[in-house]
Amino acid sequence: MNLFDTDICWVYITDDGLRRRILFCTDDERDAQLRLRRERGERAVYCRRFDNTFDALAHKLMLQSLSASTIDCLIRRYRKLTSDEITSII
């Protein structure tokens, strides 16, 4: 049983210069959510796709429990993939 129309989900981190937000959205909502965040002055610094809702929500929860320095490391590690993904949306 799927929770959403499509089971493709996204977890991303945005940064507005003051704080970071760890967010979840379905594939159907992704473009609109990222554009809205960009209009609010936030930029996506990390973006990861999941093929099922459970894994995406578990990843979001894991990110929320990590230290800021570990999050920084993940952002650096996935910077190229995130950049490519965001470019394809905008």
C-alpha atoms as a PDB file:
ATOM      1  CA  MET A   1       0.000   0.000   0.000  1.00  0.00           C
ATOM      2  CA  ASN A   2       1.401   3.383  -1.008  1.00  0.00           C
ATOM      3  CA  LEU A   3       0.920   6.428   1.166  1.00  0.00           C
ATOM      4  CA  PHE A   4       0.958   8.712  -1.861  1.00  0.00           C
ATOM      5  CA  ASP A   5       0.022   8.462  -5.548  1.00  0.00           C
ATOM      6  CA  THR A   6       3.643   7.761  -6.365  1.00  0.00           C
ATOM      7  CA  ASP A   7       6.102   6.228  -3.968  1.00  0.00           C
ATOM      8  CA  ILE A   8       8.983   8.428  -5.133  1.00  0.00           C
ATOM      9  CA  CYS A   9       9.855  10.850  -2.364  1.00  0.00           C
ATOM     10  CA  TRP A  10      12.524  13.445  -1.687  1.00  0.00           C
ATOM     11  CA  VAL A  11      14.396  14.591   1.382  1.00  0.00           C
ATOM     12  CA  TYR A  12      16.219  17.857   1.119  1.00  0.00           C
ATOM     13  CA  ILE A  13      17.963  20.439   3.252  1.00  0.00           C
ATOM     14  CA  THR A  14      17.549  24.138   2.611  1.00  0.00           C
ATOM     15  CA  ASP A  15      19.653  26.971   3.974  1.00  0.00           C
ATOM     16  CA  ASP A  16      18.645  30.632   4.224  1.00  0.00           C
ATOM     17  CA  GLY A  17      21.922  31.818   5.727  1.00  0.00           C
ATOM     18  CA  LEU A  18      20.577  31.716   9.276  1.00  0.00           C
ATOM     19  CA  ARG A  19      19.292  28.194   9.653  1.00  0.00           C
ATOM     20  CA  ARG A  20      18.787  24.942   7.836  1.00  0.00           C
ATOM     21  CA  ARG A  21      15.545  23.068   7.311  1.00  0.00           C
ATOM     22  CA  ILE A  22      15.274  19.340   6.707  1.00  0.00           C
ATOM     23  CA  LEU A  23      12.243  18.705   4.541  1.00  0.00           C
ATOM     24  CA  PHE A  24      10.309  15.846   2.963  1.00  0.00           C
ATOM     25  CA  CYS A  25       8.058  15.916  -0.085  1.00  0.00           C
ATOM     26  CA  THR A  26       6.535  13.581  -2.617  1.00  0.00           C
ATOM     27  CA  ASP A  27       7.650  13.550  -6.231  1.00  0.00           C
ATOM     28  CA  ASP A  28       4.482  15.401  -7.248  1.00  0.00           C
ATOM     29  CA  GLU A  29       5.240  18.254  -4.828  1.00  0.00           C
ATOM     30  CA  ARG A  30       8.986  18.544  -5.376  1.00  0.00           C
ATOM     31  CA  ASP A  31       9.171  21.237  -8.046  1.00  0.00           C
ATOM     32  CA  ALA A  32       6.620  23.499  -6.360  1.00  0.00           C
ATOM     33  CA  GLN A  33       8.204  23.062  -2.920  1.00  0.00           C
ATOM     34  CA  LEU A  34      11.715  23.867  -4.109  1.00  0.00           C
ATOM     35  CA  ARG A  35      10.561  26.883  -6.094  1.00  0.00           C
ATOM     36  CA  LEU A  36       8.646  28.177  -3.055  1.00  0.00           C
ATOM     37  CA  ARG A  37      11.708  27.759  -0.845  1.00  0.00           C
ATOM     38  CA  ARG A  38      13.845  29.562  -3.412  1.00  0.00           C
ATOM     39  CA  GLU A  39      11.368  32.470  -3.519  1.00  0.00           C
ATOM     40  CA  ARG A  40      11.700  32.713   0.271  1.00  0.00           C
ATOM     41  CA  GLY A  41      15.465  33.089  -0.023  1.00  0.00           C
ATOM     42  CA  GLU A  42      16.320  29.514   0.837  1.00  0.00           C
ATOM     43  CA  ARG A  43      18.595  27.434  -1.326  1.00  0.00           C
ATOM     44  CA  ALA A  44      18.670  23.666  -1.483  1.00  0.00           C
ATOM     45  CA  VAL A  45      22.035  22.406  -0.269  1.00  0.00           C
ATOM     46  CA  TYR A  46      21.176  18.693  -0.140  1.00  0.00           C
ATOM     47  CA  CYS A  47      18.637  16.669  -2.087  1.00  0.00           C
ATOM     48  CA  ARG A  48      18.109  12.920  -2.160  1.00  0.00           C
ATOM     49  CA  ARG A  49      15.543  10.754  -3.951  1.00  0.00           C
ATOM     50  CA  PHE A  50      13.932   7.647  -2.458  1.00  0.00           C
ATOM     51  CA  ASP A  51      11.810   4.988  -4.101  1.00  0.00           C
ATOM     52  CA  ASN A  52       9.576   4.512  -1.082  1.00  0.00           C
ATOM     53  CA  THR A  53       8.062   6.683   1.586  1.00  0.00           C
ATOM     54  CA  PHE A  54       9.319   4.701   4.565  1.00  0.00           C
ATOM     55  CA  ASP A  55      12.990   5.021   3.567  1.00  0.00           C
ATOM     56  CA  ALA A  56      12.601   8.738   2.868  1.00  0.00           C
ATOM     57  CA  LEU A  57      10.984   9.439   6.242  1.00  0.00           C
ATOM     58  CA  ALA A  58      13.588   7.291   8.032  1.00  0.00           C
ATOM     59  CA  HIS A  59      16.367   9.256   6.292  1.00  0.00           C
ATOM     60  CA  LYS A  60      14.756  12.566   7.309  1.00  0.00           C
ATOM     61  CA  LEU A  61      14.555  11.407  10.916  1.00  0.00           C
ATOM     62  CA  MET A  62      18.187  10.281  10.810  1.00  0.00           C
ATOM     63  CA  LEU A  63      19.290  13.665   9.420  1.00  0.00           C
ATOM     64  CA  GLN A  64      17.403  15.443  12.206  1.00  0.00           C
ATOM     65  CA  SER A  65      19.395  13.492  14.790  1.00  0.00           C
ATOM     66  CA  LEU A  66      22.838  14.283  13.316  1.00  0.00           C
ATOM     67  CA  SER A  67      25.170  17.022  14.480  1.00  0.00           C
ATOM     68  CA  ALA A  68      25.680  20.169  12.424  1.00  0.00           C
ATOM     69  CA  SER A  69      29.232  19.090  11.519  1.00  0.00           C
ATOM     70  CA  THR A  70      28.005  15.726  10.225  1.00  0.00           C
ATOM     71  CA  ILE A  71      25.321  17.480   8.172  1.00  0.00           C
ATOM     72  CA  ASP A  72      28.054  19.739   6.738  1.00  0.00           C
ATOM     73  CA  CYS A  73      30.017  16.644   5.718  1.00  0.00           C
ATOM     74  CA  LEU A  74      26.979  15.126   3.968  1.00  0.00           C
ATOM     75  CA  ILE A  75      26.267  18.379   2.159  1.00  0.00           C
ATOM     76  CA  ARG A  76      29.849  18.516   0.874  1.00  0.00           C
ATOM     77  CA  ARG A  77      29.774  14.845  -0.137  1.00  0.00           C
ATOM     78  CA  TYR A  78      26.531  15.164  -2.132  1.00  0.00           C
ATOM     79  CA  ARG A  79      27.065  18.722  -3.442  1.00  0.00           C
ATOM     80  CA  LYS A  80      27.516  17.666  -7.093  1.00  0.00           C
ATOM     81  CA  LEU A  81      24.449  15.389  -7.092  1.00  0.00           C
ATOM     82  CA  THR A  82      22.350  18.069  -5.396  1.00  0.00           C
ATOM     83  CA  SER A  83      23.519  20.729  -7.835  1.00  0.00           C
ATOM     84  CA  ASP A  84      22.621  18.552 -10.826  1.00  0.00           C
ATOM     85  CA  GLU A  85      19.184  17.768  -9.389  1.00  0.00           C
ATOM     86  CA  ILE A  86      18.307  21.370  -8.591  1.00  0.00           C
ATOM     87  CA  THR A  87      19.491  22.526 -12.011  1.00  0.00           C
ATOM     88  CA  SER A  88      17.116  20.058 -13.652  1.00  0.00           C
ATOM     89  CA  ILE A  89      14.167  21.565 -11.736  1.00  0.00           C
ATOM     90  CA  ILE A  90      14.886  25.258 -12.192  1.00  0.00           C
END
